[in-house]
Amino acid sequence: MAGGAGMPLLNTESEGEELRAEPHVLPAASLGVSAAESMRNYIITSRSPTASIVFKGTTFGKPAPVMASFFSRGPASIEPYVIKPDVTAPGVNILAAWPPTISPSEIKTDNRSVLFNIISGTSMSCSHISGLAALLKAAHKDWSPAAIKSALMTTAYTHKSNSSI
């Protein structure tokens, strides 16, 4: 037995640098493909590889946001002239309400109960946009759904990860 107290989750080339929070029943850390490759090389070239994790604080100013690799994006395969989504929002690693009757990992042997979980998906992105639409409707009761969509699309901006706004 190796006696490990945790687990590294190493991305492959196809997964790239994108990291998603996932609940596990033991401590785990996710590594993007470049850090994962460094770890693999260290394990292969070291006689007795060891590792530890040291929290050095929260890092600010990192590039964000990016469109999640698992989100739908255009052009559509059936009709290449249709480009969707029209508007998107953050949908990765969102702290959201969670039913206490379901474990955070959704594994049957995991008996933990939580009221919140970190979730990723288009359903998380949708709630951000729906909230904005509701705020617009409250402020402009006479606006149609098309007018609200237009306002969201024409007042949004593209945020490039490598620049400041």
Protein backbone atom coordinates (compact mmCIF):
# COMPACT_ATOMS: atom_id res chain seq x y z
CA MET A 1 0.00 0.00 0.00
CA ALA A 2 1.35 3.43 -0.93
CA GLY A 3 -0.07 5.23 2.10
CA GLY A 4 -1.30 8.27 0.21
CA ALA A 5 -3.41 10.82 2.04
CA GLY A 6 -4.76 12.56 -1.03
CA MET A 7 -5.07 12.36 -4.78
CA PRO A 8 -3.83 14.54 -7.65
CA LEU A 9 -6.19 14.78 -10.64
CA LEU A 10 -3.98 15.29 -13.69
CA ASN A 11 -5.42 16.78 -16.86
CA THR A 12 -4.55 15.25 -20.22
CA GLU A 13 -3.69 17.17 -23.38
CA SER A 14 -7.35 17.08 -24.51
CA GLU A 15 -8.48 18.57 -21.17
CA GLY A 16 -5.91 21.37 -21.30
CA GLU A 17 -5.56 23.87 -18.47
CA GLU A 18 -9.26 24.04 -17.59
CA LEU A 19 -9.97 23.05 -13.99
CA ARG A 20 -13.34 22.22 -12.47
CA ALA A 21 -14.07 21.73 -8.80
CA GLU A 22 -15.32 18.22 -8.14
CA PRO A 23 -16.31 16.74 -4.78
CA HIS A 24 -14.35 13.69 -3.67
CA VAL A 25 -14.40 11.51 -0.58
CA LEU A 26 -10.68 12.11 -0.01
CA PRO A 27 -8.55 15.24 -0.38
CA ALA A 28 -7.76 15.95 -4.03
CA ALA A 29 -6.12 18.66 -6.12
CA SER A 30 -6.63 19.29 -9.84
CA LEU A 31 -3.72 20.19 -12.12
CA GLY A 32 -3.85 21.59 -15.64
CA VAL A 33 -1.99 19.77 -18.39
CA SER A 34 1.31 21.68 -18.04
CA ALA A 35 1.55 21.14 -14.25
CA ALA A 36 0.36 17.54 -14.72
CA GLU A 37 3.16 16.91 -17.22
CA SER A 38 5.70 18.34 -14.75
CA MET A 39 4.36 16.04 -12.04
CA ARG A 40 4.48 12.99 -14.32
CA ASN A 41 8.08 13.79 -15.26
CA TYR A 42 9.02 14.23 -11.59
CA ILE A 43 7.46 10.87 -10.69
CA ILE A 44 9.24 9.10 -13.56
CA THR A 45 12.66 10.65 -12.93
CA SER A 46 12.73 10.63 -9.10
CA ARG A 47 13.86 7.66 -7.07
CA SER A 48 11.43 8.40 -4.18
CA PRO A 49 8.95 11.06 -5.31
CA THR A 50 7.03 12.90 -2.59
CA ALA A 51 4.74 15.89 -2.63
CA SER A 52 2.92 18.25 -0.31
CA ILE A 53 0.41 21.03 -0.81
CA VAL A 54 0.99 24.40 0.83
CA PHE A 55 -1.71 27.08 0.69
CA LYS A 56 -0.04 30.36 -0.24
CA GLY A 57 -3.18 32.50 -0.26
CA THR A 58 -5.67 33.48 -2.90
CA THR A 59 -4.28 34.76 -6.19
CA PHE A 60 -5.92 37.81 -7.75
CA GLY A 61 -5.50 39.14 -11.27
CA LYS A 62 -5.53 35.76 -13.01
CA PRO A 63 -6.97 35.76 -16.56
CA ALA A 64 -10.72 35.16 -16.69
CA PRO A 65 -13.28 34.42 -17.92
CA VAL A 66 -13.12 31.72 -20.56
CA MET A 67 -15.86 29.75 -22.23
CA ALA A 68 -15.93 26.31 -20.65
CA SER A 69 -14.83 23.53 -22.96
CA PHE A 70 -18.01 21.55 -22.26
CA PHE A 71 -20.39 24.44 -23.06
CA SER A 72 -22.27 24.46 -26.35
CA ARG A 73 -20.88 26.94 -28.80
CA GLY A 74 -21.43 27.74 -32.45
CA PRO A 75 -21.50 27.33 -35.24
CA ALA A 76 -24.15 24.62 -35.15
CA SER A 77 -23.17 21.38 -36.89
CA ILE A 78 -26.53 21.14 -38.70
CA GLU A 79 -26.72 24.80 -39.76
CA PRO A 80 -23.31 26.53 -39.76
CA TYR A 81 -24.91 29.97 -40.15
CA VAL A 82 -26.48 29.71 -36.69
CA ILE A 83 -24.04 30.78 -34.01
CA LYS A 84 -25.12 30.16 -30.42
CA PRO A 85 -25.16 31.00 -27.59
CA ASP A 86 -26.17 34.62 -28.05
CA VAL A 87 -25.17 35.49 -24.48
CA THR A 88 -23.34 33.47 -21.87
CA ALA A 89 -22.22 33.94 -18.28
CA PRO A 90 -20.03 32.20 -15.72
CA GLY A 91 -21.00 28.56 -15.38
CA VAL A 92 -17.93 26.82 -13.97
CA ASN A 93 -17.32 26.19 -10.27
CA ILE A 94 -20.44 28.02 -9.09
CA LEU A 95 -21.40 27.75 -5.41
CA ALA A 96 -25.05 26.71 -5.56
CA ALA A 97 -27.81 25.30 -3.36
CA TRP A 98 -27.70 21.52 -3.08
CA PRO A 99 -30.32 19.06 -1.75
CA PRO A 100 -29.15 17.70 1.62
CA THR A 101 -30.52 14.25 0.73
CA ILE A 102 -27.89 13.80 -2.00
CA SER A 103 -24.18 13.57 -1.15
CA PRO A 104 -21.94 16.20 -2.78
CA SER A 105 -20.12 13.52 -4.77
CA GLU A 106 -23.35 11.66 -5.67
CA ILE A 107 -21.62 8.40 -4.71
CA LYS A 108 -23.98 6.05 -2.83
CA THR A 109 -21.41 5.23 -0.13
CA ASP A 110 -20.73 8.94 0.51
CA ASN A 111 -22.92 9.79 3.52
CA ARG A 112 -22.08 13.48 3.73
CA SER A 113 -24.92 16.00 3.66
CA VAL A 114 -24.39 19.60 2.52
CA LEU A 115 -26.62 22.55 1.72
CA PHE A 116 -24.28 23.94 -0.95
CA ASN A 117 -22.04 22.38 -3.59
CA ILE A 118 -19.73 23.63 -6.32
CA ILE A 119 -21.44 22.89 -9.64
CA SER A 120 -20.48 23.46 -13.26
CA GLY A 121 -22.68 23.45 -16.33
CA THR A 122 -24.88 25.44 -18.65
CA SER A 123 -27.60 25.39 -15.99
CA MET A 124 -25.32 27.50 -13.78
CA SER A 125 -24.66 29.94 -16.62
CA CYS A 126 -28.36 30.15 -17.42
CA SER A 127 -29.27 31.32 -13.93
CA HIS A 128 -26.92 34.31 -14.22
CA ILE A 129 -28.47 35.44 -17.50
CA SER A 130 -32.02 34.74 -16.24
CA GLY A 131 -31.33 36.92 -13.21
CA LEU A 132 -30.13 39.75 -15.43
CA ALA A 133 -33.22 39.37 -17.61
CA ALA A 134 -35.45 39.55 -14.51
CA LEU A 135 -33.70 42.72 -13.34
CA LEU A 136 -34.17 44.31 -16.76
CA LYS A 137 -37.86 43.32 -16.83
CA ALA A 138 -38.36 44.81 -13.35
CA ALA A 139 -36.76 48.07 -14.46
CA HIS A 140 -38.53 48.14 -17.86
CA LYS A 141 -41.93 46.51 -17.41
CA ASP A 142 -42.99 47.32 -20.98
CA TRP A 143 -40.01 45.55 -22.62
CA SER A 144 -40.66 42.40 -24.62
CA PRO A 145 -38.46 39.28 -24.36
CA ALA A 146 -36.85 40.34 -27.66
CA ALA A 147 -36.06 43.79 -26.25
CA ILE A 148 -34.50 42.24 -23.14
CA LYS A 149 -32.41 39.86 -25.26
CA SER A 150 -31.32 42.77 -27.44
CA ALA A 151 -30.33 44.82 -24.39
CA LEU A 152 -28.26 41.93 -23.02
CA MET A 153 -26.56 41.33 -26.36
CA THR A 154 -25.86 44.95 -27.27
CA THR A 155 -24.61 46.08 -23.87
CA ALA A 156 -22.41 43.05 -23.23
CA TYR A 157 -18.75 43.15 -24.10
CA THR A 158 -16.11 40.61 -24.91
CA HIS A 159 -13.66 40.25 -22.06
CA LYS A 160 -10.28 39.13 -23.29
CA SER A 161 -8.39 37.13 -20.68
CA ASN A 162 -5.08 38.80 -21.45
CA SER A 163 -6.23 42.41 -21.08
CA SER A 164 -7.90 44.69 -18.57
CA ILE A 165 -11.26 46.25 -19.31
